[in-house]
C-alpha atoms as a PDB file:
ATOM      1  CA  MET A   1      72.450  92.555  72.385  1.00  0.00           C
ATOM      2  CA  SER A   2      70.670  92.182  69.382  1.00  0.00           C
ATOM      3  CA  ASP A   3      72.246  94.389  66.966  1.00  0.00           C
ATOM      4  CA  LYS A   4      75.000  91.971  65.394  1.00  0.00           C
ATOM      5  CA  ASN A   5      77.030  94.378  63.881  1.00  0.00           C
ATOM      6  CA  ILE A   6      78.447  95.321  67.478  1.00  0.00           C
ATOM      7  CA  ILE A   7      81.288  93.722  68.963  1.00  0.00           C
ATOM      8  CA  ILE A   8      82.304  95.781  72.168  1.00  0.00           C
ATOM      9  CA  GLU A   9      79.414  97.815  73.960  1.00  0.00           C
ATOM     10  CA  ALA A  10      80.152  98.612  77.566  1.00  0.00           C
ATOM     11  CA  LYS A  11      76.885  99.340  80.049  1.00  0.00           C
ATOM     12  CA  GLY A  12      77.263 101.727  83.409  1.00  0.00           C
ATOM     13  CA  VAL A  13      80.956 101.127  83.759  1.00  0.00           C
ATOM     14  CA  LYS A  14      82.011 102.183  87.654  1.00  0.00           C
ATOM     15  CA  LYS A  15      85.438 101.809  88.458  1.00  0.00           C
ATOM     16  CA  TYR A  16      86.259 102.946  92.221  1.00  0.00           C
ATOM     17  CA  PHE A  17      89.414 102.497  93.590  1.00  0.00           C
ATOM     18  CA  SER A  18      90.370 102.726  97.560  1.00  0.00           C
ATOM     19  CA  SER A  19      92.780 105.379  98.758  1.00  0.00           C
ATOM     20  CA  ARG A  20      93.961 106.047 102.942  1.00  0.00           C
ATOM     21  CA  VAL A  21      93.594 109.611 102.580  1.00  0.00           C
ATOM     22  CA  SER A  22      90.850 110.288 100.642  1.00  0.00           C
ATOM     23  CA  GLY A  23      88.542 107.170 101.016  1.00  0.00           C
ATOM     24  CA  LYS A  24      87.156 105.861  97.669  1.00  0.00           C
ATOM     25  CA  ILE A  25      88.362 107.516  94.287  1.00  0.00           C
ATOM     26  CA  LYS A  26      85.827 107.180  91.370  1.00  0.00           C
ATOM     27  CA  ALA A  27      87.855 106.937  88.371  1.00  0.00           C
ATOM     28  CA  LEU A  28      85.244 105.950  85.621  1.00  0.00           C
ATOM     29  CA  ASP A  29      81.481 106.374  86.311  1.00  0.00           C
ATOM     30  CA  GLY A  30      78.576 105.046  84.431  1.00  0.00           C
ATOM     31  CA  VAL A  31      80.498 104.780  81.151  1.00  0.00           C
ATOM     32  CA  ASP A  32      78.244 103.487  78.095  1.00  0.00           C
ATOM     33  CA  ALA A  33      79.764 102.771  75.054  1.00  0.00           C
ATOM     34  CA  VAL A  34      79.279 100.818  71.350  1.00  0.00           C
ATOM     35  CA  ILE A  35      82.016  99.499  69.285  1.00  0.00           C
ATOM     36  CA  ASN A  36      81.206  98.332  65.873  1.00  0.00           C
ATOM     37  CA  HIS A  37      82.911  95.466  64.093  1.00  0.00           C
ATOM     38  CA  GLY A  38      85.449  97.526  61.501  1.00  0.00           C
ATOM     39  CA  GLU A  39      84.655 100.478  63.161  1.00  0.00           C
ATOM     40  CA  VAL A  40      87.503 102.899  64.858  1.00  0.00           C
ATOM     41  CA  VAL A  41      87.398 104.932  68.009  1.00  0.00           C
ATOM     42  CA  VAL A  42      89.590 107.067  69.785  1.00  0.00           C
ATOM     43  CA  VAL A  43      89.437 107.809  73.290  1.00  0.00           C
ATOM     44  CA  ILE A  44      90.260 110.893  74.012  1.00  0.00           C
ATOM     45  CA  GLY A  45      89.956 113.614  77.098  1.00  0.00           C
ATOM     46  CA  PRO A  46      92.338 115.605  80.289  1.00  0.00           C
ATOM     47  CA  SER A  47      95.032 113.527  81.935  1.00  0.00           C
ATOM     48  CA  GLY A  48      93.127 111.910  85.209  1.00  0.00           C
ATOM     49  CA  SER A  49      89.989 111.369  83.239  1.00  0.00           C
ATOM     50  CA  GLY A  50      89.840 107.507  83.126  1.00  0.00           C
ATOM     51  CA  LYS A  51      91.007 106.650  79.652  1.00  0.00           C
ATOM     52  CA  SER A  52      93.689 104.213  80.500  1.00  0.00           C
ATOM     53  CA  THR A  53      90.956 102.489  83.005  1.00  0.00           C
ATOM     54  CA  PHE A  54      88.222 102.272  80.734  1.00  0.00           C
ATOM     55  CA  LEU A  55      90.967 100.702  78.202  1.00  0.00           C
ATOM     56  CA  ARG A  56      92.120  98.334  80.714  1.00  0.00           C
ATOM     57  CA  SER A  57      88.730  97.495  81.978  1.00  0.00           C
ATOM     58  CA  LEU A  58      87.812  96.271  78.429  1.00  0.00           C
ATOM     59  CA  ASN A  59      90.436  94.153  78.225  1.00  0.00           C
ATOM     60  CA  LEU A  60      89.522  92.818  82.281  1.00  0.00           C
ATOM     61  CA  LEU A  61      93.466  93.900  83.690  1.00  0.00           C
ATOM     62  CA  GLU A  62      90.954  96.125  85.653  1.00  0.00           C
ATOM     63  CA  VAL A  63      88.114  94.486  87.019  1.00  0.00           C
ATOM     64  CA  PRO A  64      85.368  96.785  86.943  1.00  0.00           C
ATOM     65  CA  THR A  65      83.357  97.929  90.368  1.00  0.00           C
ATOM     66  CA  GLU A  66      79.911  97.822  88.655  1.00  0.00           C
ATOM     67  CA  GLY A  67      78.613  97.285  84.919  1.00  0.00           C
ATOM     68  CA  GLU A  68      78.406  95.195  82.021  1.00  0.00           C
ATOM     69  CA  ILE A  69      81.067  94.588  79.069  1.00  0.00           C
ATOM     70  CA  TYR A  70      79.968  92.663  75.968  1.00  0.00           C
ATOM     71  CA  VAL A  71      82.751  91.992  73.553  1.00  0.00           C
ATOM     72  CA  ASP A  72      81.026  89.756  70.796  1.00  0.00           C
ATOM     73  CA  GLY A  73      77.902  89.384  72.682  1.00  0.00           C
ATOM     74  CA  HIS A  74      79.237  87.306  75.344  1.00  0.00           C
ATOM     75  CA  ASN A  75      79.270  89.228  79.083  1.00  0.00           C
ATOM     76  CA  ILE A  76      82.987  89.535  80.055  1.00  0.00           C
ATOM     77  CA  LEU A  77      82.318  89.707  83.283  1.00  0.00           C
ATOM     78  CA  ALA A  78      79.647  86.935  84.406  1.00  0.00           C
ATOM     79  CA  LYS A  79      80.796  85.000  87.083  1.00  0.00           C
END
């Protein structure tokens, strides 16, 4: 991340849930987002499209299956 104005950046965020009936359920499939300092962002979409899962991934209430999330230049998924 080189731009100092970027406060949150998501790169290729994926989240899969396991289901006994249908195997893997794809909640997020490679979501990319850049949110700049002072910017107001709205996440919209139909029911079941992954809005809540994406927001829960940004604050680590859900740990993404794949991808990177940077907050203020720090990868919050780094181990």
